[in-house]
């Protein structure tokens, strides 16, 4: 089955993107972000979105583009630095933010993709993170109940895909992308290269095509957030 789509805009149209949806967006900082799909969401104009992502990009790139156009109602994230627009909208009450410890966020997404509704973790016990949540003690240690996360649409960035949607990621650009691919009702992957079915080594595939609904080939800037070099 050929899952390739001609453009990011067409993929979002087929996925039924509309106001009020929950989207997952892969990436860590600016590494491995689905930048073409994010730009297409901006052009689409869908509003009141809930975005699940490790962070919110920067002011002029990545998810920062959606904050700039005020399309995001709520962010579920673990890190919100590097973005002045995010800060101003949060402080003014325009943007709702649910901060989640990074490991817990990853597990909430993984659990959502695995069909696990909730799980107990010791992370956050005794802090604001645990307020209003069920807690239990196991073997002398306290745990917090965390509910899993799923999305209407998952937007992920891969290195290479075949036409049936099998994905390969490159190095640290893998980050949150594989687990998000499993946790979306509809998953769209943008990749650097699309090959014929059968060309990928089955032993090297990180996400099976069964989790991927559409594949788009994109052009990427591959920005570096903070370039550090020796003198």
C-alpha atoms as a PDB file:
ATOM      1  CA  UNK A   1       0.000   0.000   0.000  1.00  0.00           C
ATOM      2  CA  UNK A   2       1.468   3.327  -1.090  1.00  0.00           C
ATOM      3  CA  UNK A   3       1.087   5.873   1.730  1.00  0.00           C
ATOM      4  CA  UNK A   4       2.979   8.740   0.110  1.00  0.00           C
ATOM      5  CA  UNK A   5       1.235  12.104  -0.167  1.00  0.00           C
ATOM      6  CA  UNK A   6       2.330  14.953  -2.413  1.00  0.00           C
ATOM      7  CA  UNK A   7       2.487  17.695   0.242  1.00  0.00           C
ATOM      8  CA  UNK A   8       2.174  18.428   3.941  1.00  0.00           C
ATOM      9  CA  UNK A   9      -0.930  20.508   3.254  1.00  0.00           C
ATOM     10  CA  UNK A  10      -2.612  17.619   1.453  1.00  0.00           C
ATOM     11  CA  UNK A  11      -1.729  15.242   4.307  1.00  0.00           C
ATOM     12  CA  UNK A  12      -3.310  17.523   6.907  1.00  0.00           C
ATOM     13  CA  UNK A  13      -6.400  17.907   4.741  1.00  0.00           C
ATOM     14  CA  UNK A  14      -6.743  14.130   4.463  1.00  0.00           C
ATOM     15  CA  UNK A  15      -6.198  13.782   8.225  1.00  0.00           C
ATOM     16  CA  UNK A  16      -9.146  16.109   8.826  1.00  0.00           C
ATOM     17  CA  UNK A  17      -7.291  18.799  10.786  1.00  0.00           C
ATOM     18  CA  UNK A  18      -9.744  21.201  12.401  1.00  0.00           C
ATOM     19  CA  UNK A  19     -10.106  23.627  15.307  1.00  0.00           C
ATOM     20  CA  UNK A  20      -9.792  22.213  18.817  1.00  0.00           C
ATOM     21  CA  UNK A  21      -7.800  19.094  17.940  1.00  0.00           C
ATOM     22  CA  UNK A  22      -4.933  17.608  19.952  1.00  0.00           C
ATOM     23  CA  UNK A  23      -1.671  17.270  18.037  1.00  0.00           C
ATOM     24  CA  UNK A  24       1.609  15.596  18.964  1.00  0.00           C
ATOM     25  CA  UNK A  25       4.769  17.034  17.420  1.00  0.00           C
ATOM     26  CA  UNK A  26       8.050  15.143  17.608  1.00  0.00           C
ATOM     27  CA  UNK A  27      11.415  16.698  18.268  1.00  0.00           C
ATOM     28  CA  UNK A  28      13.761  17.757  21.034  1.00  0.00           C
ATOM     29  CA  UNK A  29      14.652  21.421  20.876  1.00  0.00           C
ATOM     30  CA  UNK A  30      14.972  21.951  17.127  1.00  0.00           C
ATOM     31  CA  UNK A  31      16.330  18.438  16.505  1.00  0.00           C
ATOM     32  CA  UNK A  32      14.041  16.105  14.592  1.00  0.00           C
ATOM     33  CA  UNK A  33      11.051  18.421  14.418  1.00  0.00           C
ATOM     34  CA  UNK A  34       8.408  18.026  11.670  1.00  0.00           C
ATOM     35  CA  UNK A  35       9.015  21.563  10.426  1.00  0.00           C
ATOM     36  CA  UNK A  36       7.174  21.218   7.114  1.00  0.00           C
ATOM     37  CA  UNK A  37       4.052  19.838   8.783  1.00  0.00           C
ATOM     38  CA  UNK A  38       4.134  22.547  11.452  1.00  0.00           C
ATOM     39  CA  UNK A  39       4.365  25.218   8.750  1.00  0.00           C
ATOM     40  CA  UNK A  40       1.421  23.569   6.974  1.00  0.00           C
ATOM     41  CA  UNK A  41      -0.642  23.661  10.195  1.00  0.00           C
ATOM     42  CA  UNK A  42       0.052  27.390  10.345  1.00  0.00           C
ATOM     43  CA  UNK A  43      -1.077  27.851   6.752  1.00  0.00           C
ATOM     44  CA  UNK A  44      -4.179  25.730   7.403  1.00  0.00           C
ATOM     45  CA  UNK A  45      -5.201  28.103  10.189  1.00  0.00           C
ATOM     46  CA  UNK A  46      -6.703  25.591  12.640  1.00  0.00           C
ATOM     47  CA  UNK A  47      -7.148  27.245  16.060  1.00  0.00           C
ATOM     48  CA  UNK A  48      -7.590  26.300  19.733  1.00  0.00           C
ATOM     49  CA  UNK A  49      -5.115  23.453  19.351  1.00  0.00           C
ATOM     50  CA  UNK A  50      -3.654  21.401  22.186  1.00  0.00           C
ATOM     51  CA  UNK A  51      -0.045  20.581  21.342  1.00  0.00           C
ATOM     52  CA  UNK A  52       1.884  17.765  23.021  1.00  0.00           C
ATOM     53  CA  UNK A  53       5.603  18.250  22.504  1.00  0.00           C
ATOM     54  CA  UNK A  54       8.773  18.270  24.574  1.00  0.00           C
ATOM     55  CA  UNK A  55       9.121  22.017  24.012  1.00  0.00           C
ATOM     56  CA  UNK A  56       7.663  24.802  21.875  1.00  0.00           C
ATOM     57  CA  UNK A  57      10.416  25.590  19.384  1.00  0.00           C
ATOM     58  CA  UNK A  58      11.766  29.137  19.201  1.00  0.00           C
ATOM     59  CA  UNK A  59      10.070  32.405  18.334  1.00  0.00           C
ATOM     60  CA  UNK A  60      10.429  32.142  14.559  1.00  0.00           C
ATOM     61  CA  UNK A  61      10.680  28.413  13.947  1.00  0.00           C
ATOM     62  CA  UNK A  62       8.978  25.131  14.767  1.00  0.00           C
ATOM     63  CA  UNK A  63       6.000  25.326  17.100  1.00  0.00           C
ATOM     64  CA  UNK A  64       6.885  28.938  17.791  1.00  0.00           C
ATOM     65  CA  UNK A  65       5.229  29.698  14.448  1.00  0.00           C
ATOM     66  CA  UNK A  66       1.881  28.448  15.770  1.00  0.00           C
ATOM     67  CA  UNK A  67       2.236  30.473  18.961  1.00  0.00           C
ATOM     68  CA  UNK A  68       2.970  33.540  16.869  1.00  0.00           C
ATOM     69  CA  UNK A  69      -0.375  33.176  15.066  1.00  0.00           C
ATOM     70  CA  UNK A  70      -2.157  32.288  18.346  1.00  0.00           C
ATOM     71  CA  UNK A  71      -3.348  28.924  17.062  1.00  0.00           C
ATOM     72  CA  UNK A  72      -2.340  27.086  20.256  1.00  0.00           C
ATOM     73  CA  UNK A  73      -4.703  27.006  23.232  1.00  0.00           C
ATOM     74  CA  UNK A  74      -2.715  24.593  25.419  1.00  0.00           C
ATOM     75  CA  UNK A  75       0.805  23.173  25.531  1.00  0.00           C
ATOM     76  CA  UNK A  76       1.650  19.890  27.261  1.00  0.00           C
ATOM     77  CA  UNK A  77       5.438  20.064  27.539  1.00  0.00           C
ATOM     78  CA  UNK A  78       8.455  19.474  29.737  1.00  0.00           C
ATOM     79  CA  UNK A  79      10.577  22.492  28.755  1.00  0.00           C
ATOM     80  CA  UNK A  80       9.358  25.930  27.736  1.00  0.00           C
ATOM     81  CA  UNK A  81      12.493  28.069  27.534  1.00  0.00           C
ATOM     82  CA  UNK A  82      13.949  29.754  24.432  1.00  0.00           C
ATOM     83  CA  UNK A  83      10.604  31.275  23.463  1.00  0.00           C
ATOM     84  CA  UNK A  84       9.618  34.835  24.388  1.00  0.00           C
ATOM     85  CA  UNK A  85       6.190  34.536  22.735  1.00  0.00           C
ATOM     86  CA  UNK A  86       5.439  31.464  24.850  1.00  0.00           C
ATOM     87  CA  UNK A  87       6.390  33.362  28.003  1.00  0.00           C
ATOM     88  CA  UNK A  88       4.283  36.419  27.205  1.00  0.00           C
ATOM     89  CA  UNK A  89       1.188  34.391  26.264  1.00  0.00           C
ATOM     90  CA  UNK A  90       1.476  32.239  29.382  1.00  0.00           C
ATOM     91  CA  UNK A  91       1.922  35.205  31.723  1.00  0.00           C
ATOM     92  CA  UNK A  92      -1.026  37.018  30.120  1.00  0.00           C
ATOM     93  CA  UNK A  93      -3.287  33.972  30.537  1.00  0.00           C
ATOM     94  CA  UNK A  94      -3.703  33.418  26.788  1.00  0.00           C
ATOM     95  CA  UNK A  95      -1.906  30.074  26.823  1.00  0.00           C
ATOM     96  CA  UNK A  96      -2.610  27.148  29.135  1.00  0.00           C
ATOM     97  CA  UNK A  97       0.480  25.134  30.042  1.00  0.00           C
ATOM     98  CA  UNK A  98       0.705  21.653  31.571  1.00  0.00           C
ATOM     99  CA  UNK A  99       4.316  21.106  32.614  1.00  0.00           C
ATOM    100  CA  UNK A 100       5.325  17.451  32.862  1.00  0.00           C
ATOM    101  CA  UNK A 101       8.692  15.949  33.876  1.00  0.00           C
ATOM    102  CA  UNK A 102      10.475  14.875  30.706  1.00  0.00           C
ATOM    103  CA  UNK A 103      10.680  11.171  31.503  1.00  0.00           C
ATOM    104  CA  UNK A 104       7.050  11.136  32.609  1.00  0.00           C
ATOM    105  CA  UNK A 105       6.025  12.881  29.387  1.00  0.00           C
ATOM    106  CA  UNK A 106       7.844  10.256  27.332  1.00  0.00           C
ATOM    107  CA  UNK A 107       6.198   7.423  29.262  1.00  0.00           C
ATOM    108  CA  UNK A 108       2.724   9.032  29.044  1.00  0.00           C
ATOM    109  CA  UNK A 109       3.090   9.050  25.252  1.00  0.00           C
ATOM    110  CA  UNK A 110       4.554   5.531  25.084  1.00  0.00           C
ATOM    111  CA  UNK A 111       1.759   4.225  27.310  1.00  0.00           C
ATOM    112  CA  UNK A 112      -0.850   5.948  25.157  1.00  0.00           C
ATOM    113  CA  UNK A 113       0.523   4.228  22.063  1.00  0.00           C
ATOM    114  CA  UNK A 114       0.554   0.876  23.885  1.00  0.00           C
ATOM    115  CA  UNK A 115      -3.072   1.185  25.000  1.00  0.00           C
ATOM    116  CA  UNK A 116      -2.172   1.613  28.683  1.00  0.00           C
ATOM    117  CA  UNK A 117      -4.546   4.186  30.232  1.00  0.00           C
ATOM    118  CA  UNK A 118      -2.400   5.161  33.227  1.00  0.00           C
ATOM    119  CA  UNK A 119       0.635   4.153  35.290  1.00  0.00           C
ATOM    120  CA  UNK A 120       2.314   4.928  38.620  1.00  0.00           C
ATOM    121  CA  UNK A 121       5.666   6.732  38.784  1.00  0.00           C
ATOM    122  CA  UNK A 122       7.700   8.042  41.731  1.00  0.00           C
ATOM    123  CA  UNK A 123       8.608  11.167  39.753  1.00  0.00           C
ATOM    124  CA  UNK A 124       6.907  14.281  41.079  1.00  0.00           C
ATOM    125  CA  UNK A 125       5.655  12.861  44.356  1.00  0.00           C
ATOM    126  CA  UNK A 126       5.464  15.570  47.006  1.00  0.00           C
ATOM    127  CA  UNK A 127       5.580  18.392  44.425  1.00  0.00           C
ATOM    128  CA  UNK A 128       3.032  20.484  42.513  1.00  0.00           C
ATOM    129  CA  UNK A 129       3.112  17.804  39.805  1.00  0.00           C
ATOM    130  CA  UNK A 130       1.256  15.408  42.136  1.00  0.00           C
ATOM    131  CA  UNK A 131      -1.508  17.820  43.186  1.00  0.00           C
ATOM    132  CA  UNK A 132      -4.976  16.364  42.569  1.00  0.00           C
ATOM    133  CA  UNK A 133      -3.603  12.989  41.483  1.00  0.00           C
ATOM    134  CA  UNK A 134      -3.954   9.589  43.109  1.00  0.00           C
ATOM    135  CA  UNK A 135      -0.876   8.477  45.051  1.00  0.00           C
ATOM    136  CA  UNK A 136       0.047   5.082  46.446  1.00  0.00           C
ATOM    137  CA  UNK A 137       2.853   3.459  48.336  1.00  0.00           C
ATOM    138  CA  UNK A 138       4.628   0.361  47.055  1.00  0.00           C
ATOM    139  CA  UNK A 139       7.475  -1.279  48.952  1.00  0.00           C
ATOM    140  CA  UNK A 140       7.983   1.821  51.040  1.00  0.00           C
ATOM    141  CA  UNK A 141       8.133   4.240  48.119  1.00  0.00           C
ATOM    142  CA  UNK A 142       5.437   6.739  47.077  1.00  0.00           C
ATOM    143  CA  UNK A 143       4.090   6.872  43.530  1.00  0.00           C
ATOM    144  CA  UNK A 144       1.895   9.245  41.508  1.00  0.00           C
ATOM    145  CA  UNK A 145      -0.761   8.072  39.039  1.00  0.00           C
ATOM    146  CA  UNK A 146      -0.202   9.606  35.605  1.00  0.00           C
ATOM    147  CA  UNK A 147      -2.696   9.249  32.753  1.00  0.00           C
ATOM    148  CA  UNK A 148      -1.373   8.390  29.301  1.00  0.00           C
ATOM    149  CA  UNK A 149      -1.512  10.697  26.287  1.00  0.00           C
ATOM    150  CA  UNK A 150      -2.868  10.218  22.778  1.00  0.00           C
ATOM    151  CA  UNK A 151      -3.546  12.654  19.953  1.00  0.00           C
ATOM    152  CA  UNK A 152      -5.939  13.201  17.088  1.00  0.00           C
ATOM    153  CA  UNK A 153      -2.944  13.664  14.781  1.00  0.00           C
ATOM    154  CA  UNK A 154       0.730  12.876  15.376  1.00  0.00           C
ATOM    155  CA  UNK A 155       3.286  14.814  13.332  1.00  0.00           C
ATOM    156  CA  UNK A 156       6.682  13.108  13.234  1.00  0.00           C
ATOM    157  CA  UNK A 157      10.003  13.623  11.472  1.00  0.00           C
ATOM    158  CA  UNK A 158      11.975  10.676  10.122  1.00  0.00           C
ATOM    159  CA  UNK A 159      15.170  10.235   8.131  1.00  0.00           C
ATOM    160  CA  UNK A 160      14.010   7.627   5.637  1.00  0.00           C
ATOM    161  CA  UNK A 161      10.751   5.823   4.841  1.00  0.00           C
ATOM    162  CA  UNK A 162       9.504   3.356   2.293  1.00  0.00           C
ATOM    163  CA  UNK A 163       6.209   3.870   0.513  1.00  0.00           C
ATOM    164  CA  UNK A 164       4.347   1.650   2.995  1.00  0.00           C
ATOM    165  CA  UNK A 165       5.311   3.935   5.903  1.00  0.00           C
ATOM    166  CA  UNK A 166       8.114   2.003   7.584  1.00  0.00           C
ATOM    167  CA  UNK A 167      10.353   4.591   9.263  1.00  0.00           C
ATOM    168  CA  UNK A 168      14.036   4.954  10.072  1.00  0.00           C
ATOM    169  CA  UNK A 169      15.337   7.788  12.246  1.00  0.00           C
ATOM    170  CA  UNK A 170      18.851   9.201  12.337  1.00  0.00           C
ATOM    171  CA  UNK A 171      20.778   9.427  15.602  1.00  0.00           C
ATOM    172  CA  UNK A 172      19.359  11.823  18.239  1.00  0.00           C
ATOM    173  CA  UNK A 173      16.707  13.071  15.817  1.00  0.00           C
ATOM    174  CA  UNK A 174      14.823   9.938  16.844  1.00  0.00           C
ATOM    175  CA  UNK A 175      13.959  11.412  20.295  1.00  0.00           C
ATOM    176  CA  UNK A 176      10.157  11.550  20.889  1.00  0.00           C
ATOM    177  CA  UNK A 177       9.221  10.678  17.302  1.00  0.00           C
ATOM    178  CA  UNK A 178       8.841   6.855  17.468  1.00  0.00           C
ATOM    179  CA  UNK A 179       6.553   6.847  20.502  1.00  0.00           C
ATOM    180  CA  UNK A 180       4.450   9.698  19.092  1.00  0.00           C
ATOM    181  CA  UNK A 181       4.014   7.757  15.869  1.00  0.00           C
ATOM    182  CA  UNK A 182       2.233   5.025  17.841  1.00  0.00           C
ATOM    183  CA  UNK A 183       0.051   7.384  19.902  1.00  0.00           C
ATOM    184  CA  UNK A 184      -1.821   9.267  17.179  1.00  0.00           C
ATOM    185  CA  UNK A 185      -5.196   8.310  15.747  1.00  0.00           C
ATOM    186  CA  UNK A 186      -3.661   9.530  12.483  1.00  0.00           C
ATOM    187  CA  UNK A 187       0.128   9.701  12.074  1.00  0.00           C
ATOM    188  CA  UNK A 188       1.827  11.751   9.369  1.00  0.00           C
ATOM    189  CA  UNK A 189       5.567  11.333   8.887  1.00  0.00           C
ATOM    190  CA  UNK A 190       7.734  13.764   6.968  1.00  0.00           C
ATOM    191  CA  UNK A 191      11.080  12.349   5.884  1.00  0.00           C
ATOM    192  CA  UNK A 192      14.213  13.261   3.960  1.00  0.00           C
ATOM    193  CA  UNK A 193      14.019  10.314   1.599  1.00  0.00           C
ATOM    194  CA  UNK A 194      11.305   7.911   0.417  1.00  0.00           C
ATOM    195  CA  UNK A 195      12.336   4.580  -1.108  1.00  0.00           C
ATOM    196  CA  UNK A 196      10.493   1.690  -2.690  1.00  0.00           C
ATOM    197  CA  UNK A 197       8.887  -1.016  -0.571  1.00  0.00           C
ATOM    198  CA  UNK A 198      11.463  -3.682   0.229  1.00  0.00           C
ATOM    199  CA  UNK A 199      14.512  -1.397   0.048  1.00  0.00           C
ATOM    200  CA  UNK A 200      14.774  -0.907   3.820  1.00  0.00           C
ATOM    201  CA  UNK A 201      16.483  -3.571   5.906  1.00  0.00           C
ATOM    202  CA  UNK A 202      13.726  -4.959   8.190  1.00  0.00           C
ATOM    203  CA  UNK A 203      16.252  -5.151  11.041  1.00  0.00           C
ATOM    204  CA  UNK A 204      16.858  -1.375  10.818  1.00  0.00           C
ATOM    205  CA  UNK A 205      13.237  -0.179  10.910  1.00  0.00           C
ATOM    206  CA  UNK A 206      12.415   1.840  14.037  1.00  0.00           C
ATOM    207  CA  UNK A 207       8.648   2.271  13.477  1.00  0.00           C
ATOM    208  CA  UNK A 208       6.621  -0.262  11.452  1.00  0.00           C
ATOM    209  CA  UNK A 209       4.389   1.178   8.760  1.00  0.00           C
ATOM    210  CA  UNK A 210       1.265  -0.106  10.539  1.00  0.00           C
ATOM    211  CA  UNK A 211       1.517   2.976  12.783  1.00  0.00           C
ATOM    212  CA  UNK A 212       1.926   5.457   9.916  1.00  0.00           C
ATOM    213  CA  UNK A 213      -0.983   6.682   7.811  1.00  0.00           C
ATOM    214  CA  UNK A 214       0.798   9.085   5.448  1.00  0.00           C
ATOM    215  CA  UNK A 215       4.357   9.899   4.381  1.00  0.00           C
ATOM    216  CA  UNK A 216       5.543  13.226   2.974  1.00  0.00           C
ATOM    217  CA  UNK A 217       8.973  14.134   1.631  1.00  0.00           C
ATOM    218  CA  UNK A 218      10.153  17.485   2.963  1.00  0.00           C
ATOM    219  CA  UNK A 219      12.944  20.028   2.743  1.00  0.00           C
ATOM    220  CA  UNK A 220      14.733  20.759   6.032  1.00  0.00           C
ATOM    221  CA  UNK A 221      16.784  23.596   7.488  1.00  0.00           C
ATOM    222  CA  UNK A 222      18.250  21.481  10.305  1.00  0.00           C
ATOM    223  CA  UNK A 223      18.914  24.484  12.508  1.00  0.00           C
ATOM    224  CA  UNK A 224      21.324  24.378  15.419  1.00  0.00           C
ATOM    225  CA  UNK A 225      19.923  26.045  18.544  1.00  0.00           C
ATOM    226  CA  UNK A 226      23.193  26.988  20.188  1.00  0.00           C
ATOM    227  CA  UNK A 227      26.368  26.521  18.168  1.00  0.00           C
ATOM    228  CA  UNK A 228      29.387  25.906  20.396  1.00  0.00           C
ATOM    229  CA  UNK A 229      32.861  25.642  18.908  1.00  0.00           C
ATOM    230  CA  UNK A 230      36.348  25.611  20.325  1.00  0.00           C
ATOM    231  CA  UNK A 231      38.430  28.780  20.068  1.00  0.00           C
END
